[in-house]
Amino acid sequence: MALKKIEIPRTEFVFSDGQTVELKAPTLALIQSVQNKTKDEIEQAKLMLIEMSDGEMDKEFLNSLPMNEWSELSKRVSAFMGINVKN
């Protein structure tokens, strides 16, 4: 008997200005897809965050973030991907 798919866990991230975004945990397929698209770890993190937020965040938004916000978000992605996004 085949197993049912596991519901993807979600967490909320709160930005310093009070905005919130819901982030879903990435799947193995998503991680592999992102790693196949680029070897650049920052770009991988951006792609992951776009997918994890169901498109609420985009590259323009991510590129405009202050470093402290980016650092906190990248820690979430790094934990899943085994990458170390440099500050």
Protein backbone atom coordinates (compact mmCIF):
# COMPACT_ATOMS: atom_id res chain seq x y z
CA MET A 1 0.00 0.00 0.00
CA ALA A 2 1.39 3.41 -0.98
CA LEU A 3 1.92 5.99 1.71
CA LYS A 4 0.04 9.27 1.64
CA LYS A 5 2.01 12.46 1.08
CA ILE A 6 3.03 14.22 4.26
CA GLU A 7 1.57 17.67 4.80
CA ILE A 8 4.28 20.29 4.37
CA PRO A 9 5.01 22.16 7.62
CA ARG A 10 4.70 25.95 7.51
CA THR A 11 6.21 28.69 9.65
CA GLU A 12 5.67 32.41 9.77
CA PHE A 13 8.51 34.88 9.36
CA VAL A 14 8.04 38.39 10.73
CA PHE A 15 10.04 41.22 9.18
CA SER A 16 11.27 44.14 11.26
CA ASP A 17 8.53 46.39 9.83
CA GLY A 18 5.81 43.99 10.96
CA GLN A 19 5.09 42.37 7.60
CA THR A 20 4.74 38.60 7.73
CA VAL A 21 5.22 35.82 5.24
CA GLU A 22 4.35 32.16 5.58
CA LEU A 23 7.19 29.84 4.61
CA LYS A 24 6.58 26.21 3.79
CA ALA A 25 9.31 23.66 4.29
CA PRO A 26 10.97 22.73 0.99
CA THR A 27 10.70 19.26 -0.48
CA LEU A 28 13.62 17.21 -1.69
CA ALA A 29 12.43 17.80 -5.27
CA LEU A 30 12.53 21.57 -4.76
CA ILE A 31 16.03 21.48 -3.28
CA GLN A 32 17.30 19.37 -6.18
CA SER A 33 15.62 21.64 -8.73
CA VAL A 34 17.19 24.76 -7.24
CA GLN A 35 20.63 23.17 -7.03
CA ASN A 36 20.39 22.13 -10.69
CA LYS A 37 19.55 25.71 -11.76
CA THR A 38 22.57 27.45 -10.24
CA LYS A 39 25.68 26.74 -8.21
CA ASP A 40 25.65 30.21 -6.60
CA GLU A 41 24.52 29.75 -3.00
CA ILE A 42 22.89 33.17 -2.70
CA GLU A 43 20.87 32.58 -5.87
CA GLN A 44 19.90 29.15 -4.56
CA ALA A 45 18.68 30.75 -1.34
CA LYS A 46 16.65 33.34 -3.28
CA LEU A 47 15.02 30.67 -5.43
CA MET A 48 14.23 28.61 -2.35
CA LEU A 49 12.65 31.57 -0.56
CA ILE A 50 10.53 32.45 -3.58
CA GLU A 51 9.19 28.89 -3.66
CA MET A 52 8.90 28.56 0.10
CA SER A 53 6.76 31.73 0.19
CA ASP A 54 4.55 30.57 -2.72
CA GLY A 55 5.76 33.58 -4.68
CA GLU A 56 4.92 36.22 -2.05
CA MET A 57 8.59 37.17 -2.09
CA ASP A 58 10.27 37.77 -5.43
CA LYS A 59 13.86 38.53 -6.47
CA GLU A 60 13.24 42.29 -6.45
CA PHE A 61 11.93 42.12 -2.88
CA LEU A 62 14.75 39.85 -1.71
CA ASN A 63 17.42 42.04 -3.35
CA SER A 64 16.04 45.10 -1.54
CA LEU A 65 16.17 43.56 1.94
CA PRO A 66 18.49 45.01 4.57
CA MET A 67 21.31 42.61 5.42
CA ASN A 68 19.91 41.76 8.87
CA GLU A 69 16.62 40.61 7.30
CA TRP A 70 18.45 38.66 4.59
CA SER A 71 20.66 37.03 7.19
CA GLU A 72 17.68 35.76 9.19
CA LEU A 73 15.90 34.43 6.10
CA SER A 74 19.04 32.78 4.74
CA LYS A 75 19.51 30.94 8.04
CA ARG A 76 16.15 29.27 7.48
CA VAL A 77 17.16 28.15 3.98
CA SER A 78 20.66 27.08 5.00
CA ALA A 79 19.27 24.69 7.56
CA PHE A 80 17.41 22.81 4.82
CA MET A 81 20.05 22.90 2.10
CA GLY A 82 23.25 22.39 4.03
CA ILE A 83 24.68 25.60 2.59
CA ASN A 84 26.32 28.47 4.36
CA VAL A 85 25.13 31.76 2.92
CA LYS A 86 27.79 34.31 3.69
CA ASN A 87 26.80 37.67 5.19
